[in-house]
Amino acid sequence: MDAYLISTDTRKSLWLGKAIRFKHEDGTDRVEYYHRGSAHGSLNHETPILNKVLWKFLAEHAHKEVRIVFAGEFDEDEYELVGSGDVEVEIAEYLGSWPSRAG
């Protein structure tokens, strides 16, 4: 199931990928991680550009409410999807020259 990081304040969303779940010894079935890409591709946390997208989204949403939700739990048409799709195009556009070291 697809998962998103959303901000209800700014109406922006970031696609985290598929929720990968595991059943644990205590019987609970919970999300272990999120994965974008093919089953044999790098994990999200091993992909520098995906880390950068996540950190930018978090920085932009400091002091704002952010939540992780699953597809169907929010109205996707009411949110701007950022940092998604083709790493070479959409993500590069979203990141721009971030982070700026001026300040």
PDB file of N, CA and C in Angstrom:
ATOM      1  N   MET A   1       0.838  -1.172   0.000  1.00  0.00           N
ATOM      2  CA  MET A   1       0.000   0.000   0.000  1.00  0.00           C
ATOM      3  C   MET A   1       0.890   1.244   0.000  1.00  0.00           C
ATOM      4  N   ASP A   2       0.570   2.202  -0.839  1.00  0.00           N
ATOM      5  CA  ASP A   2       1.351   3.438  -0.930  1.00  0.00           C
ATOM      6  C   ASP A   2       1.187   4.282   0.327  1.00  0.00           C
ATOM      7  N   ALA A   3       2.289   4.888   0.755  1.00  0.00           N
ATOM      8  CA  ALA A   3       2.282   5.757   1.930  1.00  0.00           C
ATOM      9  C   ALA A   3       2.800   7.133   1.541  1.00  0.00           C
ATOM     10  N   TYR A   4       2.294   8.139   2.227  1.00  0.00           N
ATOM     11  CA  TYR A   4       2.650   9.535   1.958  1.00  0.00           C
ATOM     12  C   TYR A   4       2.939  10.252   3.265  1.00  0.00           C
ATOM     13  N   LEU A   5       3.851  11.197   3.204  1.00  0.00           N
ATOM     14  CA  LEU A   5       4.056  12.154   4.280  1.00  0.00           C
ATOM     15  C   LEU A   5       3.301  13.392   3.840  1.00  0.00           C
ATOM     16  N   ILE A   6       2.343  13.844   4.654  1.00  0.00           N
ATOM     17  CA  ILE A   6       1.527  14.988   4.249  1.00  0.00           C
ATOM     18  C   ILE A   6       1.583  16.093   5.286  1.00  0.00           C
ATOM     19  N   SER A   7       1.352  17.305   4.819  1.00  0.00           N
ATOM     20  CA  SER A   7       1.169  18.450   5.698  1.00  0.00           C
ATOM     21  C   SER A   7      -0.243  18.971   5.480  1.00  0.00           C
ATOM     22  N   THR A   8      -1.036  18.899   6.517  1.00  0.00           N
ATOM     23  CA  THR A   8      -2.396  19.425   6.410  1.00  0.00           C
ATOM     24  C   THR A   8      -2.385  20.953   6.392  1.00  0.00           C
ATOM     25  N   ASP A   9      -1.310  21.568   6.879  1.00  0.00           N
ATOM     26  CA  ASP A   9      -1.202  23.035   6.880  1.00  0.00           C
ATOM     27  C   ASP A   9      -0.923  23.582   5.483  1.00  0.00           C
ATOM     28  N   THR A  10       0.009  22.954   4.757  1.00  0.00           N
ATOM     29  CA  THR A  10       0.409  23.479   3.444  1.00  0.00           C
ATOM     30  C   THR A  10      -0.244  22.736   2.288  1.00  0.00           C
ATOM     31  N   ARG A  11      -0.905  21.640   2.589  1.00  0.00           N
ATOM     32  CA  ARG A  11      -1.548  20.801   1.564  1.00  0.00           C
ATOM     33  C   ARG A  11      -0.520  20.269   0.562  1.00  0.00           C
ATOM     34  N   LYS A  12       0.644  19.861   1.086  1.00  0.00           N
ATOM     35  CA  LYS A  12       1.667  19.223   0.260  1.00  0.00           C
ATOM     36  C   LYS A  12       1.844  17.788   0.738  1.00  0.00           C
ATOM     37  N   SER A  13       2.219  16.928  -0.210  1.00  0.00           N
ATOM     38  CA  SER A  13       2.453  15.527   0.136  1.00  0.00           C
ATOM     39  C   SER A  13       3.737  15.047  -0.519  1.00  0.00           C
ATOM     40  N   LEU A  14       4.350  14.077   0.113  1.00  0.00           N
ATOM     41  CA  LEU A  14       5.564  13.441  -0.387  1.00  0.00           C
ATOM     42  C   LEU A  14       5.314  11.941  -0.400  1.00  0.00           C
ATOM     43  N   TRP A  15       5.429  11.330  -1.575  1.00  0.00           N
ATOM     44  CA  TRP A  15       5.227   9.895  -1.678  1.00  0.00           C
ATOM     45  C   TRP A  15       6.430   9.182  -1.079  1.00  0.00           C
ATOM     46  N   LEU A  16       6.195   8.379  -0.046  1.00  0.00           N
ATOM     47  CA  LEU A  16       7.261   7.625   0.604  1.00  0.00           C
ATOM     48  C   LEU A  16       7.530   6.308  -0.105  1.00  0.00           C
ATOM     49  N   GLY A  17       6.523   5.786  -0.783  1.00  0.00           N
ATOM     50  CA  GLY A  17       6.646   4.511  -1.477  1.00  0.00           C
ATOM     51  C   GLY A  17       5.682   3.498  -0.891  1.00  0.00           C
ATOM     52  N   LYS A  18       5.941   2.257  -1.191  1.00  0.00           N
ATOM     53  CA  LYS A  18       5.128   1.160  -0.669  1.00  0.00           C
ATOM     54  C   LYS A  18       5.514   0.894   0.779  1.00  0.00           C
ATOM     55  N   ALA A  19       4.520   0.673   1.603  1.00  0.00           N
ATOM     56  CA  ALA A  19       4.775   0.291   2.991  1.00  0.00           C
ATOM     57  C   ALA A  19       5.126  -1.195   3.009  1.00  0.00           C
ATOM     58  N   ILE A  20       6.316  -1.514   3.475  1.00  0.00           N
ATOM     59  CA  ILE A  20       6.764  -2.898   3.570  1.00  0.00           C
ATOM     60  C   ILE A  20       6.542  -3.340   5.014  1.00  0.00           C
ATOM     61  N   ARG A  21       5.691  -4.343   5.159  1.00  0.00           N
ATOM     62  CA  ARG A  21       5.272  -4.789   6.488  1.00  0.00           C
ATOM     63  C   ARG A  21       5.874  -6.157   6.804  1.00  0.00           C
ATOM     64  N   PHE A  22       6.097  -6.397   8.090  1.00  0.00           N
ATOM     65  CA  PHE A  22       6.561  -7.693   8.561  1.00  0.00           C
ATOM     66  C   PHE A  22       5.757  -8.102   9.781  1.00  0.00           C
ATOM     67  N   LYS A  23       5.524  -9.393   9.900  1.00  0.00           N
ATOM     68  CA  LYS A  23       4.885  -9.929  11.098  1.00  0.00           C
ATOM     69  C   LYS A  23       6.007 -10.271  12.074  1.00  0.00           C
ATOM     70  N   HIS A  24       5.882  -9.763  13.278  1.00  0.00           N
ATOM     71  CA  HIS A  24       6.918  -9.947  14.285  1.00  0.00           C
ATOM     72  C   HIS A  24       6.568 -11.092  15.231  1.00  0.00           C
ATOM     73  N   GLU A  25       7.544 -11.514  16.001  1.00  0.00           N
ATOM     74  CA  GLU A  25       7.350 -12.640  16.920  1.00  0.00           C
ATOM     75  C   GLU A  25       6.205 -12.419  17.887  1.00  0.00           C
ATOM     76  N   ASP A  26       5.960 -11.157  18.250  1.00  0.00           N
ATOM     77  CA  ASP A  26       4.869 -10.879  19.190  1.00  0.00           C
ATOM     78  C   ASP A  26       3.504 -10.886  18.506  1.00  0.00           C
ATOM     79  N   GLY A  27       3.491 -11.200  17.201  1.00  0.00           N
ATOM     80  CA  GLY A  27       2.234 -11.303  16.472  1.00  0.00           C
ATOM     81  C   GLY A  27       1.788 -10.018  15.799  1.00  0.00           C
ATOM     82  N   THR A  28       2.484  -8.921  16.065  1.00  0.00           N
ATOM     83  CA  THR A  28       2.091  -7.660  15.440  1.00  0.00           C
ATOM     84  C   THR A  28       2.587  -7.602  14.002  1.00  0.00           C
ATOM     85  N   ASP A  29       1.792  -6.984  13.179  1.00  0.00           N
ATOM     86  CA  ASP A  29       2.116  -6.775  11.776  1.00  0.00           C
ATOM     87  C   ASP A  29       2.276  -5.273  11.613  1.00  0.00           C
ATOM     88  N   ARG A  30       3.504  -4.813  11.377  1.00  0.00           N
ATOM     89  CA  ARG A  30       3.715  -3.365  11.300  1.00  0.00           C
ATOM     90  C   ARG A  30       4.685  -3.007  10.182  1.00  0.00           C
ATOM     91  N   VAL A  31       4.646  -1.745   9.828  1.00  0.00           N
ATOM     92  CA  VAL A  31       5.521  -1.234   8.769  1.00  0.00           C
ATOM     93  C   VAL A  31       6.957  -1.246   9.274  1.00  0.00           C
ATOM     94  N   GLU A  32       7.829  -1.811   8.460  1.00  0.00           N
ATOM     95  CA  GLU A  32       9.261  -1.818   8.759  1.00  0.00           C
ATOM     96  C   GLU A  32       9.973  -0.682   8.049  1.00  0.00           C
ATOM     97  N   TYR A  33       9.567  -0.432   6.800  1.00  0.00           N
ATOM     98  CA  TYR A  33      10.161   0.660   6.027  1.00  0.00           C
ATOM     99  C   TYR A  33       9.280   0.945   4.827  1.00  0.00           C
ATOM    100  N   TYR A  34       9.627   1.986   4.072  1.00  0.00           N
ATOM    101  CA  TYR A  34       8.923   2.366   2.850  1.00  0.00           C
ATOM    102  C   TYR A  34       9.895   2.195   1.690  1.00  0.00           C
ATOM    103  N   HIS A  35       9.371   1.789   0.538  1.00  0.00           N
ATOM    104  CA  HIS A  35      10.268   1.522  -0.586  1.00  0.00           C
ATOM    105  C   HIS A  35       9.711   2.104  -1.879  1.00  0.00           C
ATOM    106  N   ARG A  36      10.541   2.895  -2.555  1.00  0.00           N
ATOM    107  CA  ARG A  36      10.242   3.430  -3.886  1.00  0.00           C
ATOM    108  C   ARG A  36      11.118   2.695  -4.874  1.00  0.00           C
ATOM    109  N   GLY A  37      10.541   2.259  -5.970  1.00  0.00           N
ATOM    110  CA  GLY A  37      11.340   1.617  -7.005  1.00  0.00           C
ATOM    111  C   GLY A  37      11.110   0.122  -7.079  1.00  0.00           C
ATOM    112  N   SER A  38      11.990  -0.537  -7.835  1.00  0.00           N
ATOM    113  CA  SER A  38      11.835  -1.968  -8.064  1.00  0.00           C
ATOM    114  C   SER A  38      12.193  -2.761  -6.811  1.00  0.00           C
ATOM    115  N   ALA A  39      11.737  -3.991  -6.801  1.00  0.00           N
ATOM    116  CA  ALA A  39      11.993  -4.864  -5.649  1.00  0.00           C
ATOM    117  C   ALA A  39      13.486  -5.095  -5.434  1.00  0.00           C
ATOM    118  N   HIS A  40      14.270  -4.980  -6.502  1.00  0.00           N
ATOM    119  CA  HIS A  40      15.699  -5.243  -6.399  1.00  0.00           C
ATOM    120  C   HIS A  40      16.528  -3.959  -6.324  1.00  0.00           C
ATOM    121  N   GLY A  41      15.847  -2.810  -6.329  1.00  0.00           N
ATOM    122  CA  GLY A  41      16.549  -1.540  -6.271  1.00  0.00           C
ATOM    123  C   GLY A  41      17.012  -1.200  -4.865  1.00  0.00           C
ATOM    124  N   SER A  42      17.746  -0.114  -4.768  1.00  0.00           N
ATOM    125  CA  SER A  42      18.234   0.353  -3.465  1.00  0.00           C
ATOM    126  C   SER A  42      17.070   0.728  -2.569  1.00  0.00           C
ATOM    127  N   LEU A  43      17.262   0.531  -1.284  1.00  0.00           N
ATOM    128  CA  LEU A  43      16.267   0.969  -0.310  1.00  0.00           C
ATOM    129  C   LEU A  43      16.288   2.488  -0.211  1.00  0.00           C
ATOM    130  N   ASN A  44      15.177   3.070   0.186  1.00  0.00           N
ATOM    131  CA  ASN A  44      15.085   4.533   0.261  1.00  0.00           C
ATOM    132  C   ASN A  44      16.226   5.142   1.063  1.00  0.00           C
ATOM    133  N   HIS A  45      16.502   4.583   2.220  1.00  0.00           N
ATOM    134  CA  HIS A  45      17.532   5.184   3.079  1.00  0.00           C
ATOM    135  C   HIS A  45      18.938   5.024   2.503  1.00  0.00           C
ATOM    136  N   GLU A  46      19.095   4.184   1.502  1.00  0.00           N
ATOM    137  CA  GLU A  46      20.399   4.009   0.846  1.00  0.00           C
ATOM    138  C   GLU A  46      20.562   4.921  -0.365  1.00  0.00           C
ATOM    139  N   THR A  47      19.539   5.722  -0.670  1.00  0.00           N
ATOM    140  CA  THR A  47      19.524   6.553  -1.869  1.00  0.00           C
ATOM    141  C   THR A  47      19.668   8.021  -1.465  1.00  0.00           C
ATOM    142  N   PRO A  48      20.840   8.609  -1.680  1.00  0.00           N
ATOM    143  CA  PRO A  48      21.085   9.979  -1.206  1.00  0.00           C
ATOM    144  C   PRO A  48      20.031  10.999  -1.645  1.00  0.00           C
ATOM    145  N   ILE A  49      19.571  10.936  -2.895  1.00  0.00           N
ATOM    146  CA  ILE A  49      18.625  11.958  -3.353  1.00  0.00           C
ATOM    147  C   ILE A  49      17.280  11.828  -2.639  1.00  0.00           C
ATOM    148  N   LEU A  50      16.859  10.608  -2.301  1.00  0.00           N
ATOM    149  CA  LEU A  50      15.604  10.443  -1.557  1.00  0.00           C
ATOM    150  C   LEU A  50      15.754  10.942  -0.128  1.00  0.00           C
ATOM    151  N   ASN A  51      16.922  10.763   0.457  1.00  0.00           N
ATOM    152  CA  ASN A  51      17.175  11.332   1.779  1.00  0.00           C
ATOM    153  C   ASN A  51      17.086  12.852   1.730  1.00  0.00           C
ATOM    154  N   LYS A  52      17.659  13.434   0.693  1.00  0.00           N
ATOM    155  CA  LYS A  52      17.657  14.886   0.547  1.00  0.00           C
ATOM    156  C   LYS A  52      16.226  15.421   0.394  1.00  0.00           C
ATOM    157  N   VAL A  53      15.397  14.714  -0.388  1.00  0.00           N
ATOM    158  CA  VAL A  53      13.996  15.121  -0.570  1.00  0.00           C
ATOM    159  C   VAL A  53      13.268  15.107   0.766  1.00  0.00           C
ATOM    160  N   LEU A  54      13.458  14.041   1.521  1.00  0.00           N
ATOM    161  CA  LEU A  54      12.793  13.934   2.824  1.00  0.00           C
ATOM    162  C   LEU A  54      13.231  15.055   3.758  1.00  0.00           C
ATOM    163  N   TRP A  55      14.528  15.315   3.832  1.00  0.00           N
ATOM    164  CA  TRP A  55      15.027  16.361   4.726  1.00  0.00           C
ATOM    165  C   TRP A  55      14.534  17.743   4.297  1.00  0.00           C
ATOM    166  N   LYS A  56      14.434  17.994   2.997  1.00  0.00           N
ATOM    167  CA  LYS A  56      13.906  19.280   2.544  1.00  0.00           C
ATOM    168  C   LYS A  56      12.444  19.417   2.952  1.00  0.00           C
ATOM    169  N   PHE A  57      11.654  18.369   2.738  1.00  0.00           N
ATOM    170  CA  PHE A  57      10.237  18.409   3.107  1.00  0.00           C
ATOM    171  C   PHE A  57      10.093  18.694   4.602  1.00  0.00           C
ATOM    172  N   LEU A  58      10.893  18.017   5.420  1.00  0.00           N
ATOM    173  CA  LEU A  58      10.829  18.247   6.865  1.00  0.00           C
ATOM    174  C   LEU A  58      11.230  19.679   7.224  1.00  0.00           C
ATOM    175  N   ALA A  59      12.275  20.191   6.584  1.00  0.00           N
ATOM    176  CA  ALA A  59      12.715  21.561   6.861  1.00  0.00           C
ATOM    177  C   ALA A  59      11.640  22.574   6.478  1.00  0.00           C
ATOM    178  N   GLU A  60      10.999  22.355   5.333  1.00  0.00           N
ATOM    179  CA  GLU A  60       9.949  23.276   4.883  1.00  0.00           C
ATOM    180  C   GLU A  60       8.718  23.246   5.794  1.00  0.00           C
ATOM    181  N   HIS A  61       8.561  22.171   6.515  1.00  0.00           N
ATOM    182  CA  HIS A  61       7.358  22.000   7.323  1.00  0.00           C
ATOM    183  C   HIS A  61       7.629  22.058   8.827  1.00  0.00           C
ATOM    184  N   ALA A  62       8.747  22.686   9.195  1.00  0.00           N
ATOM    185  CA  ALA A  62       9.021  22.889  10.618  1.00  0.00           C
ATOM    186  C   ALA A  62       7.873  23.690  11.234  1.00  0.00           C
ATOM    187  N   HIS A  63       7.450  23.295  12.393  1.00  0.00           N
ATOM    188  CA  HIS A  63       6.353  23.939  13.133  1.00  0.00           C
ATOM    189  C   HIS A  63       4.999  23.785  12.432  1.00  0.00           C
ATOM    190  N   LYS A  64       4.905  22.793  11.566  1.00  0.00           N
ATOM    191  CA  LYS A  64       3.639  22.487  10.913  1.00  0.00           C
ATOM    192  C   LYS A  64       3.317  21.022  11.189  1.00  0.00           C
ATOM    193  N   GLU A  65       2.051  20.690  11.130  1.00  0.00           N
ATOM    194  CA  GLU A  65       1.663  19.309  11.356  1.00  0.00           C
ATOM    195  C   GLU A  65       1.983  18.469  10.128  1.00  0.00           C
ATOM    196  N   VAL A  66       2.713  17.372  10.325  1.00  0.00           N
ATOM    197  CA  VAL A  66       2.960  16.402   9.266  1.00  0.00           C
ATOM    198  C   VAL A  66       2.537  15.029   9.779  1.00  0.00           C
ATOM    199  N   ARG A  67       2.008  14.225   8.871  1.00  0.00           N
ATOM    200  CA  ARG A  67       1.528  12.887   9.226  1.00  0.00           C
ATOM    201  C   ARG A  67       1.884  11.913   8.123  1.00  0.00           C
ATOM    202  N   ILE A  68       2.029  10.657   8.483  1.00  0.00           N
ATOM    203  CA  ILE A  68       2.170   9.593   7.495  1.00  0.00           C
ATOM    204  C   ILE A  68       0.798   8.959   7.340  1.00  0.00           C
ATOM    205  N   VAL A  69       0.333   8.901   6.094  1.00  0.00           N
ATOM    206  CA  VAL A  69      -0.969   8.318   5.793  1.00  0.00           C
ATOM    207  C   VAL A  69      -0.831   7.369   4.611  1.00  0.00           C
ATOM    208  N   PHE A  70      -1.841   6.546   4.446  1.00  0.00           N
ATOM    209  CA  PHE A  70      -1.854   5.608   3.334  1.00  0.00           C
ATOM    210  C   PHE A  70      -2.815   6.094   2.265  1.00  0.00           C
ATOM    211  N   ALA A  71      -2.580   5.637   1.037  1.00  0.00           N
ATOM    212  CA  ALA A  71      -3.466   5.988  -0.071  1.00  0.00           C
ATOM    213  C   ALA A  71      -4.897   5.692   0.341  1.00  0.00           C
ATOM    214  N   GLY A  72      -5.782   6.618   0.041  1.00  0.00           N
ATOM    215  CA  GLY A  72      -7.181   6.460   0.397  1.00  0.00           C
ATOM    216  C   GLY A  72      -7.542   7.079   1.735  1.00  0.00           C
ATOM    217  N   GLU A  73      -6.543   7.466   2.534  1.00  0.00           N
ATOM    218  CA  GLU A  73      -6.804   8.076   3.837  1.00  0.00           C
ATOM    219  C   GLU A  73      -6.810   9.602   3.776  1.00  0.00           C
ATOM    220  N   PHE A  74      -6.551  10.162   2.603  1.00  0.00           N
ATOM    221  CA  PHE A  74      -6.617  11.607   2.421  1.00  0.00           C
ATOM    222  C   PHE A  74      -7.012  11.859   0.976  1.00  0.00           C
ATOM    223  N   ASP A  75      -7.520  13.051   0.705  1.00  0.00           N
ATOM    224  CA  ASP A  75      -7.954  13.394  -0.650  1.00  0.00           C
ATOM    225  C   ASP A  75      -6.746  13.889  -1.435  1.00  0.00           C
ATOM    226  N   GLU A  76      -6.172  12.996  -2.227  1.00  0.00           N
ATOM    227  CA  GLU A  76      -4.934  13.311  -2.951  1.00  0.00           C
ATOM    228  C   GLU A  76      -5.095  14.504  -3.887  1.00  0.00           C
ATOM    229  N   ASP A  77      -6.299  14.742  -4.382  1.00  0.00           N
ATOM    230  CA  ASP A  77      -6.541  15.871  -5.285  1.00  0.00           C
ATOM    231  C   ASP A  77      -6.408  17.216  -4.581  1.00  0.00           C
ATOM    232  N   GLU A  78      -6.486  17.232  -3.254  1.00  0.00           N
ATOM    233  CA  GLU A  78      -6.370  18.472  -2.493  1.00  0.00           C
ATOM    234  C   GLU A  78      -4.934  18.786  -2.090  1.00  0.00           C
ATOM    235  N   TYR A  79      -3.990  17.919  -2.459  1.00  0.00           N
ATOM    236  CA  TYR A  79      -2.594  18.074  -2.058  1.00  0.00           C
ATOM    237  C   TYR A  79      -1.691  18.175  -3.274  1.00  0.00           C
ATOM    238  N   GLU A  80      -0.671  19.013  -3.149  1.00  0.00           N
ATOM    239  CA  GLU A  80       0.357  19.102  -4.185  1.00  0.00           C
ATOM    240  C   GLU A  80       1.407  18.040  -3.886  1.00  0.00           C
ATOM    241  N   LEU A  81       1.631  17.132  -4.829  1.00  0.00           N
ATOM    242  CA  LEU A  81       2.619  16.084  -4.664  1.00  0.00           C
ATOM    243  C   LEU A  81       3.982  16.641  -5.050  1.00  0.00           C
ATOM    244  N   VAL A  82       4.934  16.599  -4.125  1.00  0.00           N
ATOM    245  CA  VAL A  82       6.271  17.152  -4.371  1.00  0.00           C
ATOM    246  C   VAL A  82       7.319  16.049  -4.307  1.00  0.00           C
ATOM    247  N   GLY A  83       8.411  16.241  -5.038  1.00  0.00           N
ATOM    248  CA  GLY A  83       9.543  15.326  -4.958  1.00  0.00           C
ATOM    249  C   GLY A  83       9.217  13.901  -5.325  1.00  0.00           C
ATOM    250  N   SER A  84       8.371  13.730  -6.325  1.00  0.00           N
ATOM    251  CA  SER A  84       7.983  12.373  -6.692  1.00  0.00           C
ATOM    252  C   SER A  84       8.399  12.079  -8.113  1.00  0.00           C
ATOM    253  N   GLY A  85       8.122  10.903  -8.554  1.00  0.00           N
ATOM    254  CA  GLY A  85       8.351  10.551  -9.946  1.00  0.00           C
ATOM    255  C   GLY A  85       9.807  10.335 -10.279  1.00  0.00           C
ATOM    256  N   ASP A  86      10.160  10.735 -11.482  1.00  0.00           N
ATOM    257  CA  ASP A  86      11.481  10.521 -12.050  1.00  0.00           C
ATOM    258  C   ASP A  86      12.531  11.294 -11.251  1.00  0.00           C
ATOM    259  N   VAL A  87      13.505  10.575 -10.725  1.00  0.00           N
ATOM    260  CA  VAL A  87      14.564  11.195  -9.920  1.00  0.00           C
ATOM    261  C   VAL A  87      15.266  12.299 -10.692  1.00  0.00           C
ATOM    262  N   GLU A  88      15.450  12.105 -11.986  1.00  0.00           N
ATOM    263  CA  GLU A  88      16.195  13.075 -12.779  1.00  0.00           C
ATOM    264  C   GLU A  88      15.410  14.346 -13.076  1.00  0.00           C
ATOM    265  N   VAL A  89      14.087  14.322 -13.001  1.00  0.00           N
ATOM    266  CA  VAL A  89      13.302  15.482 -13.397  1.00  0.00           C
ATOM    267  C   VAL A  89      12.555  16.079 -12.210  1.00  0.00           C
ATOM    268  N   GLU A  90      11.490  15.421 -11.769  1.00  0.00           N
ATOM    269  CA  GLU A  90      10.642  16.002 -10.729  1.00  0.00           C
ATOM    270  C   GLU A  90      11.388  16.247  -9.418  1.00  0.00           C
ATOM    271  N   ILE A  91      12.199  15.297  -9.003  1.00  0.00           N
ATOM    272  CA  ILE A  91      12.924  15.466  -7.750  1.00  0.00           C
ATOM    273  C   ILE A  91      13.964  16.575  -7.883  1.00  0.00           C
ATOM    274  N   ALA A  92      14.662  16.617  -8.996  1.00  0.00           N
ATOM    275  CA  ALA A  92      15.653  17.673  -9.213  1.00  0.00           C
ATOM    276  C   ALA A  92      14.982  19.043  -9.203  1.00  0.00           C
ATOM    277  N   GLU A  93      13.802  19.149  -9.814  1.00  0.00           N
ATOM    278  CA  GLU A  93      13.064  20.418  -9.798  1.00  0.00           C
ATOM    279  C   GLU A  93      12.679  20.811  -8.384  1.00  0.00           C
ATOM    280  N   TYR A  94      12.188  19.859  -7.615  1.00  0.00           N
ATOM    281  CA  TYR A  94      11.782  20.140  -6.240  1.00  0.00           C
ATOM    282  C   TYR A  94      12.978  20.580  -5.394  1.00  0.00           C
ATOM    283  N   LEU A  95      14.096  19.908  -5.548  1.00  0.00           N
ATOM    284  CA  LEU A  95      15.265  20.241  -4.735  1.00  0.00           C
ATOM    285  C   LEU A  95      15.905  21.556  -5.160  1.00  0.00           C
ATOM    286  N   GLY A  96      15.899  21.839  -6.470  1.00  0.00           N
ATOM    287  CA  GLY A  96      16.537  23.066  -6.939  1.00  0.00           C
ATOM    288  C   GLY A  96      17.966  23.146  -6.413  1.00  0.00           C
ATOM    289  N   SER A  97      18.316  24.264  -5.806  1.00  0.00           N
ATOM    290  CA  SER A  97      19.670  24.429  -5.254  1.00  0.00           C
ATOM    291  C   SER A  97      19.669  24.226  -3.736  1.00  0.00           C
ATOM    292  N   TRP A  98      18.638  23.569  -3.211  1.00  0.00           N
ATOM    293  CA  TRP A  98      18.553  23.327  -1.765  1.00  0.00           C
ATOM    294  C   TRP A  98      19.636  22.364  -1.345  1.00  0.00           C
ATOM    295  N   PRO A  99      20.283  22.521  -0.242  1.00  0.00           N
ATOM    296  CA  PRO A  99      20.116  23.633   0.691  1.00  0.00           C
ATOM    297  C   PRO A  99      21.020  24.796   0.352  1.00  0.00           C
ATOM    298  N   SER A 100      20.532  25.957   0.618  1.00  0.00           N
ATOM    299  CA  SER A 100      21.347  27.152   0.457  1.00  0.00           C
ATOM    300  C   SER A 100      22.177  27.294   1.727  1.00  0.00           C
ATOM    301  N   ARG A 101      23.428  27.512   1.586  1.00  0.00           N
ATOM    302  CA  ARG A 101      24.282  27.650   2.774  1.00  0.00           C
ATOM    303  C   ARG A 101      24.376  29.104   3.218  1.00  0.00           C
ATOM    304  N   ALA A 102      23.707  29.990   2.483  1.00  0.00           N
ATOM    305  CA  ALA A 102      23.699  31.405   2.888  1.00  0.00           C
ATOM    306  C   ALA A 102      22.771  31.550   4.093  1.00  0.00           C
ATOM    307  N   GLY A 103      23.028  32.459   4.908  1.00  0.00           N
ATOM    308  CA  GLY A 103      22.089  32.638   5.995  1.00  0.00           C
ATOM    309  C   GLY A 103      22.742  33.137   7.191  1.00  0.00           C
TER     310      GLY A 103
END
